Amino acid sequence: MTKLTVSLPDSRHLAALQEEFSGQNIDFLVWDMRSAPPAEKIDLVVPPYLDSAQTLTRLEGVETQLVQWQSIGYDGVSDYLPSGVRFANAASVHETATAELALGLIIAAQRDFKRFFQQQTEGIWRGGTTRALADRRVTIIGAGGVGRAIAERLMPFEVQITMLANSARDLELTGGLTVPVREIADLHAQLAETDILVLAVPLTPDTAGLIGAVELAQLPDDALLVNVARGRVVDTAALVAEVASGRLRTANDVVDPEPLPEEHPLWQLDGAIQTPHTGGDSDAMHPRIFALLVRQIKHLMRGSTPENLVKP
């Protein structure tokens, strides 16, 4: 068997991979991509999680079969990835955790957790009727892995789900349930029928600025926008204006800019909840990325096509 060289960004999975492939002709290196390459040929390169795509410039001159990204999103990668290098995203790793956070943000916003948590710090016992999730019209923009995972977790909450994507169809979920997918061309008409709008699309030239002032104006009063996609999918200034007026509410894991400046109004607006881009960053990630790396190494050993290949 041809010798393989695999670089990991740190030692987290090093011992487990060495044990998994004990006796195989594979060299495992630790390379955080902040220094010069440790070898001229590295068959599988795993860059650090959440690092800038700019680190990929370190691959210039390195013979590489595959770069295994640790995120689902890959915006900006094309600016730095050397020509001809195969690139795979981390589909199958983060969908569940991101969907969990999306559901948590929805429930937190609907059930007024922000106010209750503030009252807890002040020792105040004050209830009051809150918004329900049940019977709400939920629109999910994006019918990929994250969008599907969100839809599956929302189904038991007795909501009406519609998804938007490039092509119309019925999307089958686990257990044989289906949800309707409308064309993205129907966006404005669908927004008018939406109580909760969830964004779960990759950042591309087509989705950058997808939700601006015109689109926000189509949403009914008191609608909730939840963004677990990328910050630049939404016009932040337009969103701030709507939330500051009290007409709309928002709960975001991602925002433009990131990190959100300390003085930014989204921190203080009553109708806004903000988490610091932590959707996929849970302890569920580590066994899942390990399993993906094992599969990718086996693909390279067999000479078969790796999973999750994308063209940034």
C-alpha atoms as a PDB file:
ATOM      1  CA  MET A   1       0.000   0.000   0.000  1.00  0.00           C
ATOM      2  CA  THR A   2       1.221   3.501  -0.848  1.00  0.00           C
ATOM      3  CA  LYS A   3       2.268   5.441   2.224  1.00  0.00           C
ATOM      4  CA  LEU A   4      -0.137   8.164   3.386  1.00  0.00           C
ATOM      5  CA  THR A   5       0.701  11.267   5.392  1.00  0.00           C
ATOM      6  CA  VAL A   6      -2.029  12.950   7.445  1.00  0.00           C
ATOM      7  CA  SER A   7      -1.663  16.270   9.264  1.00  0.00           C
ATOM      8  CA  LEU A   8      -3.872  17.187  12.224  1.00  0.00           C
ATOM      9  CA  PRO A   9      -4.155  20.701  13.682  1.00  0.00           C
ATOM     10  CA  ASP A  10      -3.550  19.464  17.258  1.00  0.00           C
ATOM     11  CA  SER A  11      -3.133  16.231  19.191  1.00  0.00           C
ATOM     12  CA  ARG A  12      -6.817  15.738  20.132  1.00  0.00           C
ATOM     13  CA  HIS A  13      -7.441  12.784  17.787  1.00  0.00           C
ATOM     14  CA  LEU A  14      -3.810  11.782  17.225  1.00  0.00           C
ATOM     15  CA  ALA A  15      -3.596   8.760  19.539  1.00  0.00           C
ATOM     16  CA  ALA A  16      -7.040   7.445  18.566  1.00  0.00           C
ATOM     17  CA  LEU A  17      -6.234   7.633  14.846  1.00  0.00           C
ATOM     18  CA  GLN A  18      -2.856   5.983  15.374  1.00  0.00           C
ATOM     19  CA  GLU A  19      -4.611   3.146  17.187  1.00  0.00           C
ATOM     20  CA  GLU A  20      -7.366   2.930  14.546  1.00  0.00           C
ATOM     21  CA  PHE A  21      -4.787   2.549  11.766  1.00  0.00           C
ATOM     22  CA  SER A  22      -2.145   0.613  13.709  1.00  0.00           C
ATOM     23  CA  GLY A  23       0.019  -1.416  11.340  1.00  0.00           C
ATOM     24  CA  GLN A  24      -1.042   0.651   8.318  1.00  0.00           C
ATOM     25  CA  ASN A  25       1.512   2.615   6.336  1.00  0.00           C
ATOM     26  CA  ILE A  26       0.313   6.017   7.569  1.00  0.00           C
ATOM     27  CA  ASP A  27       2.288   8.861   9.130  1.00  0.00           C
ATOM     28  CA  PHE A  28       0.339  11.249  11.379  1.00  0.00           C
ATOM     29  CA  LEU A  29       1.742  14.746  11.900  1.00  0.00           C
ATOM     30  CA  VAL A  30       0.582  17.664  14.027  1.00  0.00           C
ATOM     31  CA  TRP A  31       0.558  20.910  12.022  1.00  0.00           C
ATOM     32  CA  ASP A  32      -1.440  23.957  13.079  1.00  0.00           C
ATOM     33  CA  MET A  33      -0.718  25.658   9.715  1.00  0.00           C
ATOM     34  CA  ARG A  34       0.826  28.685  11.452  1.00  0.00           C
ATOM     35  CA  SER A  35       4.313  27.546  10.500  1.00  0.00           C
ATOM     36  CA  ALA A  36       5.953  26.123   7.398  1.00  0.00           C
ATOM     37  CA  PRO A  37       4.673  22.746   6.170  1.00  0.00           C
ATOM     38  CA  PRO A  38       6.352  19.819   7.947  1.00  0.00           C
ATOM     39  CA  ALA A  39       6.529  17.790   4.733  1.00  0.00           C
ATOM     40  CA  GLU A  40       6.446  18.351   0.977  1.00  0.00           C
ATOM     41  CA  LYS A  41       3.686  15.751   0.575  1.00  0.00           C
ATOM     42  CA  ILE A  42       0.711  15.620   2.969  1.00  0.00           C
ATOM     43  CA  ASP A  43      -2.088  13.508   1.568  1.00  0.00           C
ATOM     44  CA  LEU A  44      -4.792  14.636   4.004  1.00  0.00           C
ATOM     45  CA  VAL A  45      -4.606  18.088   5.615  1.00  0.00           C
ATOM     46  CA  VAL A  46      -6.989  19.006   8.461  1.00  0.00           C
ATOM     47  CA  PRO A  47      -6.852  22.765   9.154  1.00  0.00           C
ATOM     48  CA  PRO A  48      -7.665  24.153  12.625  1.00  0.00           C
ATOM     49  CA  TYR A  49     -11.353  24.521  13.484  1.00  0.00           C
ATOM     50  CA  LEU A  50     -12.751  28.077  13.147  1.00  0.00           C
ATOM     51  CA  ASP A  51      -9.430  29.466  11.918  1.00  0.00           C
ATOM     52  CA  SER A  52      -9.386  31.895   9.048  1.00  0.00           C
ATOM     53  CA  ALA A  53      -9.381  30.422   5.567  1.00  0.00           C
ATOM     54  CA  GLN A  54      -6.200  32.443   5.036  1.00  0.00           C
ATOM     55  CA  THR A  55      -4.239  29.599   6.669  1.00  0.00           C
ATOM     56  CA  LEU A  56      -4.822  27.624   3.465  1.00  0.00           C
ATOM     57  CA  THR A  57      -2.125  29.690   1.734  1.00  0.00           C
ATOM     58  CA  ARG A  58       0.342  27.465   3.632  1.00  0.00           C
ATOM     59  CA  LEU A  59      -0.567  24.693   1.196  1.00  0.00           C
ATOM     60  CA  GLU A  60       1.204  26.390  -1.716  1.00  0.00           C
ATOM     61  CA  GLY A  61       3.812  23.941  -2.970  1.00  0.00           C
ATOM     62  CA  VAL A  62       2.517  21.049  -0.831  1.00  0.00           C
ATOM     63  CA  GLU A  63       1.404  17.904  -2.666  1.00  0.00           C
ATOM     64  CA  THR A  64      -2.063  17.268  -1.210  1.00  0.00           C
ATOM     65  CA  GLN A  65      -4.841  14.833  -2.043  1.00  0.00           C
ATOM     66  CA  LEU A  66      -7.492  16.356   0.205  1.00  0.00           C
ATOM     67  CA  VAL A  67      -8.136  19.238   2.575  1.00  0.00           C
ATOM     68  CA  GLN A  68     -10.699  18.261   5.211  1.00  0.00           C
ATOM     69  CA  TRP A  69     -12.380  21.406   6.586  1.00  0.00           C
ATOM     70  CA  GLN A  70     -13.892  21.132  10.075  1.00  0.00           C
ATOM     71  CA  SER A  71     -16.866  23.415   9.365  1.00  0.00           C
ATOM     72  CA  ILE A  72     -19.888  22.975   7.127  1.00  0.00           C
ATOM     73  CA  GLY A  73     -19.590  26.494   5.710  1.00  0.00           C
ATOM     74  CA  TYR A  74     -16.702  27.274   3.399  1.00  0.00           C
ATOM     75  CA  ASP A  75     -17.218  30.926   2.450  1.00  0.00           C
ATOM     76  CA  GLY A  76     -13.881  32.637   1.787  1.00  0.00           C
ATOM     77  CA  VAL A  77     -12.030  29.398   1.088  1.00  0.00           C
ATOM     78  CA  SER A  78     -11.805  30.026  -2.642  1.00  0.00           C
ATOM     79  CA  ASP A  79      -9.735  33.158  -1.974  1.00  0.00           C
ATOM     80  CA  TYR A  80      -6.892  31.133  -0.438  1.00  0.00           C
ATOM     81  CA  LEU A  81      -7.125  27.475  -1.493  1.00  0.00           C
ATOM     82  CA  PRO A  82      -4.419  26.644  -4.065  1.00  0.00           C
ATOM     83  CA  SER A  83      -5.745  25.714  -7.480  1.00  0.00           C
ATOM     84  CA  GLY A  84      -6.429  22.029  -8.084  1.00  0.00           C
ATOM     85  CA  VAL A  85      -6.579  20.987  -4.408  1.00  0.00           C
ATOM     86  CA  ARG A  86      -9.600  18.857  -3.490  1.00  0.00           C
ATOM     87  CA  PHE A  87     -11.611  20.264  -0.595  1.00  0.00           C
ATOM     88  CA  ALA A  88     -14.241  18.629   1.624  1.00  0.00           C
ATOM     89  CA  ASN A  89     -16.502  20.309   4.156  1.00  0.00           C
ATOM     90  CA  ALA A  90     -17.672  18.768   7.438  1.00  0.00           C
ATOM     91  CA  ALA A  91     -21.171  17.710   6.456  1.00  0.00           C
ATOM     92  CA  SER A  92     -22.481  15.120   8.976  1.00  0.00           C
ATOM     93  CA  VAL A  93     -20.560  16.750  11.856  1.00  0.00           C
ATOM     94  CA  HIS A  94     -22.390  19.943  12.873  1.00  0.00           C
ATOM     95  CA  GLU A  95     -25.977  19.646  11.648  1.00  0.00           C
ATOM     96  CA  THR A  96     -27.397  18.227  14.871  1.00  0.00           C
ATOM     97  CA  ALA A  97     -25.761  20.757  17.192  1.00  0.00           C
ATOM     98  CA  THR A  98     -26.690  23.680  14.943  1.00  0.00           C
ATOM     99  CA  ALA A  99     -30.295  22.498  14.792  1.00  0.00           C
ATOM    100  CA  GLU A 100     -30.360  22.155  18.588  1.00  0.00           C
ATOM    101  CA  LEU A 101     -29.215  25.754  18.965  1.00  0.00           C
ATOM    102  CA  ALA A 102     -31.729  26.991  16.397  1.00  0.00           C
ATOM    103  CA  LEU A 103     -34.529  25.298  18.304  1.00  0.00           C
ATOM    104  CA  GLY A 104     -33.196  26.708  21.570  1.00  0.00           C
ATOM    105  CA  LEU A 105     -33.116  30.233  20.158  1.00  0.00           C
ATOM    106  CA  ILE A 106     -36.684  29.888  18.909  1.00  0.00           C
ATOM    107  CA  ILE A 107     -37.975  28.673  22.257  1.00  0.00           C
ATOM    108  CA  ALA A 108     -35.948  31.270  24.180  1.00  0.00           C
ATOM    109  CA  ALA A 109     -37.416  34.073  22.067  1.00  0.00           C
ATOM    110  CA  GLN A 110     -40.987  32.767  22.076  1.00  0.00           C
ATOM    111  CA  ARG A 111     -41.089  32.014  25.811  1.00  0.00           C
ATOM    112  CA  ASP A 112     -39.316  35.235  26.838  1.00  0.00           C
ATOM    113  CA  PHE A 113     -36.270  33.589  28.428  1.00  0.00           C
ATOM    114  CA  LYS A 114     -34.255  36.800  28.108  1.00  0.00           C
ATOM    115  CA  ARG A 115     -36.591  38.610  30.493  1.00  0.00           C
ATOM    116  CA  PHE A 116     -36.833  35.669  32.870  1.00  0.00           C
ATOM    117  CA  PHE A 117     -33.042  35.259  33.043  1.00  0.00           C
ATOM    118  CA  GLN A 118     -32.674  38.963  33.819  1.00  0.00           C
ATOM    119  CA  GLN A 119     -35.310  38.643  36.546  1.00  0.00           C
ATOM    120  CA  GLN A 120     -33.380  35.684  37.976  1.00  0.00           C
ATOM    121  CA  THR A 121     -30.250  37.812  38.405  1.00  0.00           C
ATOM    122  CA  GLU A 122     -32.383  40.367  40.260  1.00  0.00           C
ATOM    123  CA  GLY A 123     -34.351  37.863  42.337  1.00  0.00           C
ATOM    124  CA  ILE A 124     -37.678  38.894  40.810  1.00  0.00           C
ATOM    125  CA  TRP A 125     -40.595  36.440  40.507  1.00  0.00           C
ATOM    126  CA  ARG A 126     -42.857  37.816  37.783  1.00  0.00           C
ATOM    127  CA  GLY A 127     -44.646  35.623  35.245  1.00  0.00           C
ATOM    128  CA  GLY A 128     -46.924  36.630  32.418  1.00  0.00           C
ATOM    129  CA  THR A 129     -48.274  35.135  29.230  1.00  0.00           C
ATOM    130  CA  THR A 130     -45.636  34.407  26.592  1.00  0.00           C
ATOM    131  CA  ARG A 131     -45.793  33.460  22.923  1.00  0.00           C
ATOM    132  CA  ALA A 132     -46.161  29.762  22.094  1.00  0.00           C
ATOM    133  CA  LEU A 133     -44.260  27.816  19.465  1.00  0.00           C
ATOM    134  CA  ALA A 134     -47.231  25.548  18.756  1.00  0.00           C
ATOM    135  CA  ASP A 135     -49.374  26.484  15.744  1.00  0.00           C
ATOM    136  CA  ARG A 136     -46.826  28.976  14.397  1.00  0.00           C
ATOM    137  CA  ARG A 137     -46.000  29.177  10.684  1.00  0.00           C
ATOM    138  CA  VAL A 138     -42.277  28.444  10.374  1.00  0.00           C
ATOM    139  CA  THR A 139     -40.325  29.089   7.188  1.00  0.00           C
ATOM    140  CA  ILE A 140     -36.851  27.582   6.884  1.00  0.00           C
ATOM    141  CA  ILE A 141     -34.676  28.984   4.104  1.00  0.00           C
ATOM    142  CA  GLY A 142     -32.293  26.206   3.138  1.00  0.00           C
ATOM    143  CA  ALA A 143     -33.153  22.535   2.640  1.00  0.00           C
ATOM    144  CA  GLY A 144     -29.669  21.112   3.132  1.00  0.00           C
ATOM    145  CA  GLY A 145     -28.400  19.166   6.129  1.00  0.00           C
ATOM    146  CA  VAL A 146     -28.919  21.926   8.681  1.00  0.00           C
ATOM    147  CA  GLY A 147     -32.332  22.951   7.353  1.00  0.00           C
ATOM    148  CA  ARG A 148     -33.490  19.334   7.338  1.00  0.00           C
ATOM    149  CA  ALA A 149     -32.227  18.790  10.908  1.00  0.00           C
ATOM    150  CA  ILE A 150     -34.081  21.888  12.106  1.00  0.00           C
ATOM    151  CA  ALA A 151     -37.301  20.782  10.395  1.00  0.00           C
ATOM    152  CA  GLU A 152     -37.101  17.325  11.961  1.00  0.00           C
ATOM    153  CA  ARG A 153     -36.697  18.786  15.451  1.00  0.00           C
ATOM    154  CA  LEU A 154     -39.522  21.257  14.963  1.00  0.00           C
ATOM    155  CA  MET A 155     -42.075  18.699  13.766  1.00  0.00           C
ATOM    156  CA  PRO A 156     -43.113  17.481  17.265  1.00  0.00           C
ATOM    157  CA  PHE A 157     -43.916  21.062  18.289  1.00  0.00           C
ATOM    158  CA  GLU A 158     -47.067  21.118  16.165  1.00  0.00           C
ATOM    159  CA  VAL A 159     -45.938  23.884  13.847  1.00  0.00           C
ATOM    160  CA  GLN A 160     -46.620  24.446  10.165  1.00  0.00           C
ATOM    161  CA  ILE A 161     -43.301  24.149   8.331  1.00  0.00           C
ATOM    162  CA  THR A 162     -42.465  25.370   4.837  1.00  0.00           C
ATOM    163  CA  MET A 163     -38.960  25.344   3.388  1.00  0.00           C
ATOM    164  CA  LEU A 164     -37.448  27.412   0.589  1.00  0.00           C
ATOM    165  CA  ALA A 165     -34.691  26.186  -1.730  1.00  0.00           C
ATOM    166  CA  ASN A 166     -33.609  26.386  -5.357  1.00  0.00           C
ATOM    167  CA  SER A 167     -36.195  23.840  -6.514  1.00  0.00           C
ATOM    168  CA  ALA A 168     -39.706  22.978  -5.325  1.00  0.00           C
ATOM    169  CA  ARG A 169     -40.382  19.476  -4.022  1.00  0.00           C
ATOM    170  CA  ASP A 170     -41.580  17.520  -1.024  1.00  0.00           C
ATOM    171  CA  LEU A 171     -38.708  16.808   1.358  1.00  0.00           C
ATOM    172  CA  GLU A 172     -38.950  13.483   3.186  1.00  0.00           C
ATOM    173  CA  LEU A 173     -37.825  13.555   6.815  1.00  0.00           C
ATOM    174  CA  THR A 174     -36.992  10.735   9.207  1.00  0.00           C
ATOM    175  CA  GLY A 175     -40.019   8.551   9.841  1.00  0.00           C
ATOM    176  CA  GLY A 176     -41.567   9.200   6.442  1.00  0.00           C
ATOM    177  CA  LEU A 177     -42.907  12.666   7.258  1.00  0.00           C
ATOM    178  CA  THR A 178     -42.623  15.267   4.501  1.00  0.00           C
ATOM    179  CA  VAL A 179     -42.479  19.047   4.382  1.00  0.00           C
ATOM    180  CA  PRO A 180     -43.167  21.212   1.327  1.00  0.00           C
ATOM    181  CA  VAL A 181     -40.236  23.005  -0.268  1.00  0.00           C
ATOM    182  CA  ARG A 182     -41.057  26.081  -2.336  1.00  0.00           C
ATOM    183  CA  GLU A 183     -38.762  27.787  -4.818  1.00  0.00           C
ATOM    184  CA  ILE A 184     -36.676  30.640  -3.476  1.00  0.00           C
ATOM    185  CA  ALA A 185     -38.329  32.771  -6.159  1.00  0.00           C
ATOM    186  CA  ASP A 186     -41.444  32.618  -3.946  1.00  0.00           C
ATOM    187  CA  LEU A 187     -39.570  34.267  -1.064  1.00  0.00           C
ATOM    188  CA  HIS A 188     -41.636  37.442  -0.750  1.00  0.00           C
ATOM    189  CA  ALA A 189     -44.974  35.662  -0.913  1.00  0.00           C
ATOM    190  CA  GLN A 190     -43.809  33.135   1.676  1.00  0.00           C
ATOM    191  CA  LEU A 191     -42.499  35.792   4.057  1.00  0.00           C
ATOM    192  CA  ALA A 192     -45.964  37.310   4.299  1.00  0.00           C
ATOM    193  CA  GLU A 193     -47.167  33.947   5.658  1.00  0.00           C
ATOM    194  CA  THR A 194     -44.354  33.483   8.174  1.00  0.00           C
ATOM    195  CA  ASP A 195     -44.363  33.841  11.955  1.00  0.00           C
ATOM    196  CA  ILE A 196     -40.844  32.460  12.473  1.00  0.00           C
ATOM    197  CA  LEU A 197     -38.180  32.739   9.769  1.00  0.00           C
ATOM    198  CA  VAL A 198     -35.121  30.481  10.152  1.00  0.00           C
ATOM    199  CA  LEU A 199     -32.055  31.005   7.961  1.00  0.00           C
ATOM    200  CA  ALA A 200     -29.984  27.876   7.297  1.00  0.00           C
ATOM    201  CA  VAL A 201     -28.256  28.515   3.974  1.00  0.00           C
ATOM    202  CA  PRO A 202     -24.554  28.695   3.075  1.00  0.00           C
ATOM    203  CA  LEU A 203     -23.112  32.099   2.277  1.00  0.00           C
ATOM    204  CA  THR A 204     -22.804  32.415  -1.499  1.00  0.00           C
ATOM    205  CA  PRO A 205     -23.087  35.307  -3.957  1.00  0.00           C
ATOM    206  CA  ASP A 206     -26.792  34.397  -4.247  1.00  0.00           C
ATOM    207  CA  THR A 207     -27.491  34.396  -0.510  1.00  0.00           C
ATOM    208  CA  ALA A 208     -25.391  37.399   0.571  1.00  0.00           C
ATOM    209  CA  GLY A 209     -27.903  40.112   1.506  1.00  0.00           C
ATOM    210  CA  LEU A 210     -30.813  37.754   0.813  1.00  0.00           C
ATOM    211  CA  ILE A 211     -32.809  39.276   3.685  1.00  0.00           C
ATOM    212  CA  GLY A 212     -32.780  43.059   3.486  1.00  0.00           C
ATOM    213  CA  ALA A 213     -35.159  45.901   4.262  1.00  0.00           C
ATOM    214  CA  VAL A 214     -37.618  44.894   1.521  1.00  0.00           C
ATOM    215  CA  GLU A 215     -37.767  41.280   2.692  1.00  0.00           C
ATOM    216  CA  LEU A 216     -38.060  42.203   6.370  1.00  0.00           C
ATOM    217  CA  ALA A 217     -40.967  44.488   5.523  1.00  0.00           C
ATOM    218  CA  GLN A 218     -42.847  41.475   4.112  1.00  0.00           C
ATOM    219  CA  LEU A 219     -42.854  39.710   7.490  1.00  0.00           C
ATOM    220  CA  PRO A 220     -45.931  40.155   9.682  1.00  0.00           C
ATOM    221  CA  ASP A 221     -45.735  42.251  12.842  1.00  0.00           C
ATOM    222  CA  ASP A 222     -44.057  40.457  15.767  1.00  0.00           C
ATOM    223  CA  ALA A 223     -42.426  37.860  13.497  1.00  0.00           C
ATOM    224  CA  LEU A 224     -39.160  36.288  14.683  1.00  0.00           C
ATOM    225  CA  LEU A 225     -36.028  35.994  12.543  1.00  0.00           C
ATOM    226  CA  VAL A 226     -33.529  33.291  13.582  1.00  0.00           C
ATOM    227  CA  ASN A 227     -30.147  33.193  11.839  1.00  0.00           C
ATOM    228  CA  VAL A 228     -27.900  30.134  12.157  1.00  0.00           C
ATOM    229  CA  ALA A 229     -26.539  30.529   8.606  1.00  0.00           C
ATOM    230  CA  ARG A 230     -24.033  33.358   8.132  1.00  0.00           C
ATOM    231  CA  GLY A 231     -24.308  36.963   9.272  1.00  0.00           C
ATOM    232  CA  ARG A 232     -24.002  38.436   5.791  1.00  0.00           C
ATOM    233  CA  VAL A 233     -27.188  36.673   4.659  1.00  0.00           C
ATOM    234  CA  VAL A 234     -29.008  39.487   6.504  1.00  0.00           C
ATOM    235  CA  ASP A 235     -28.687  43.268   6.174  1.00  0.00           C
ATOM    236  CA  THR A 236     -27.795  44.004   9.794  1.00  0.00           C
ATOM    237  CA  ALA A 237     -28.725  47.692   9.669  1.00  0.00           C
ATOM    238  CA  ALA A 238     -32.166  46.879   8.271  1.00  0.00           C
ATOM    239  CA  LEU A 239     -32.690  44.218  10.927  1.00  0.00           C
ATOM    240  CA  VAL A 240     -31.657  46.580  13.727  1.00  0.00           C
ATOM    241  CA  ALA A 241     -34.122  49.187  12.469  1.00  0.00           C
ATOM    242  CA  GLU A 242     -37.015  46.715  12.499  1.00  0.00           C
ATOM    243  CA  VAL A 243     -36.180  45.308  15.934  1.00  0.00           C
ATOM    244  CA  ALA A 244     -35.540  48.741  17.432  1.00  0.00           C
ATOM    245  CA  SER A 245     -38.993  49.831  16.266  1.00  0.00           C
ATOM    246  CA  GLY A 246     -40.502  46.876  18.107  1.00  0.00           C
ATOM    247  CA  ARG A 247     -42.108  45.471  14.955  1.00  0.00           C
ATOM    248  CA  LEU A 248     -39.882  42.395  14.582  1.00  0.00           C
ATOM    249  CA  ARG A 249     -37.804  40.219  16.907  1.00  0.00           C
ATOM    250  CA  THR A 250     -34.555  38.359  16.238  1.00  0.00           C
ATOM    251  CA  ALA A 251     -32.435  35.570  17.721  1.00  0.00           C
ATOM    252  CA  ASN A 252     -29.049  35.143  16.068  1.00  0.00           C
ATOM    253  CA  ASP A 253     -26.061  32.860  16.381  1.00  0.00           C
ATOM    254  CA  VAL A 254     -24.333  34.620  13.498  1.00  0.00           C
ATOM    255  CA  VAL A 255     -24.217  38.300  12.650  1.00  0.00           C
ATOM    256  CA  ASP A 256     -22.424  40.794  10.453  1.00  0.00           C
ATOM    257  CA  PRO A 257     -19.924  41.914  11.707  1.00  0.00           C
ATOM    258  CA  GLU A 258     -18.320  39.212  13.820  1.00  0.00           C
ATOM    259  CA  PRO A 259     -17.337  39.513  16.554  1.00  0.00           C
ATOM    260  CA  LEU A 260     -20.190  41.887  17.346  1.00  0.00           C
ATOM    261  CA  PRO A 261     -18.727  45.149  18.730  1.00  0.00           C
ATOM    262  CA  GLU A 262     -19.422  45.854  22.387  1.00  0.00           C
ATOM    263  CA  GLU A 263     -21.392  49.006  21.571  1.00  0.00           C
ATOM    264  CA  HIS A 264     -23.581  47.386  18.899  1.00  0.00           C
ATOM    265  CA  PRO A 265     -27.337  47.874  19.479  1.00  0.00           C
ATOM    266  CA  LEU A 266     -28.103  44.168  19.002  1.00  0.00           C
ATOM    267  CA  TRP A 267     -26.648  43.563  22.462  1.00  0.00           C
ATOM    268  CA  GLN A 268     -29.166  45.858  24.133  1.00  0.00           C
ATOM    269  CA  LEU A 269     -32.382  45.648  22.109  1.00  0.00           C
ATOM    270  CA  ASP A 270     -35.211  44.024  24.054  1.00  0.00           C
ATOM    271  CA  GLY A 271     -36.315  42.050  21.007  1.00  0.00           C
ATOM    272  CA  ALA A 272     -32.880  40.586  20.251  1.00  0.00           C
ATOM    273  CA  ILE A 273     -31.048  37.491  21.501  1.00  0.00           C
ATOM    274  CA  GLN A 274     -27.424  36.923  20.460  1.00  0.00           C
ATOM    275  CA  THR A 275     -25.131  33.908  20.842  1.00  0.00           C
ATOM    276  CA  PRO A 276     -21.468  34.078  19.685  1.00  0.00           C
ATOM    277  CA  HIS A 277     -21.430  31.831  16.578  1.00  0.00           C
ATOM    278  CA  THR A 278     -21.472  28.646  18.608  1.00  0.00           C
ATOM    279  CA  GLY A 279     -24.023  26.608  16.660  1.00  0.00           C
ATOM    280  CA  GLY A 280     -21.828  23.656  15.712  1.00  0.00           C
ATOM    281  CA  ASP A 281     -19.307  24.051  18.511  1.00  0.00           C
ATOM    282  CA  SER A 282     -20.524  21.393  20.932  1.00  0.00           C
ATOM    283  CA  ASP A 283     -18.936  18.273  22.388  1.00  0.00           C
ATOM    284  CA  ALA A 284     -20.899  16.240  19.843  1.00  0.00           C
ATOM    285  CA  MET A 285     -18.450  17.546  17.238  1.00  0.00           C
ATOM    286  CA  HIS A 286     -15.413  15.561  18.376  1.00  0.00           C
ATOM    287  CA  PRO A 287     -16.605  11.968  17.894  1.00  0.00           C
ATOM    288  CA  ARG A 288     -18.283  12.992  14.643  1.00  0.00           C
ATOM    289  CA  ILE A 289     -15.203  14.652  13.147  1.00  0.00           C
ATOM    290  CA  PHE A 290     -13.155  11.635  14.240  1.00  0.00           C
ATOM    291  CA  ALA A 291     -15.565   9.295  12.437  1.00  0.00           C
ATOM    292  CA  LEU A 292     -15.401  11.478   9.310  1.00  0.00           C
ATOM    293  CA  LEU A 293     -11.586  11.481   9.363  1.00  0.00           C
ATOM    294  CA  VAL A 294     -11.536   7.681   9.647  1.00  0.00           C
ATOM    295  CA  ARG A 295     -13.826   7.398   6.627  1.00  0.00           C
ATOM    296  CA  GLN A 296     -11.809   9.891   4.591  1.00  0.00           C
ATOM    297  CA  ILE A 297      -8.518   8.152   5.345  1.00  0.00           C
ATOM    298  CA  LYS A 298     -10.055   4.844   4.255  1.00  0.00           C
ATOM    299  CA  HIS A 299     -11.218   6.474   1.010  1.00  0.00           C
ATOM    300  CA  LEU A 300      -7.671   7.643   0.311  1.00  0.00           C
ATOM    301  CA  MET A 301      -6.263   4.215   1.189  1.00  0.00           C
ATOM    302  CA  ARG A 302      -8.635   2.562  -1.312  1.00  0.00           C
ATOM    303  CA  GLY A 303      -8.224   5.241  -3.949  1.00  0.00           C
ATOM    304  CA  SER A 304     -11.974   5.958  -3.830  1.00  0.00           C
ATOM    305  CA  THR A 305     -13.664   9.350  -3.950  1.00  0.00           C
ATOM    306  CA  PRO A 306     -13.746  11.131  -0.568  1.00  0.00           C
ATOM    307  CA  GLU A 307     -17.007  12.340   0.974  1.00  0.00           C
ATOM    308  CA  ASN A 308     -18.327  15.908   1.024  1.00  0.00           C
ATOM    309  CA  LEU A 309     -16.261  17.235  -1.875  1.00  0.00           C
ATOM    310  CA  VAL A 310     -17.208  20.814  -2.682  1.00  0.00           C
ATOM    311  CA  LYS A 311     -15.932  23.478  -5.056  1.00  0.00           C
ATOM    312  CA  PRO A 312     -15.582  26.625  -2.949  1.00  0.00           C
END
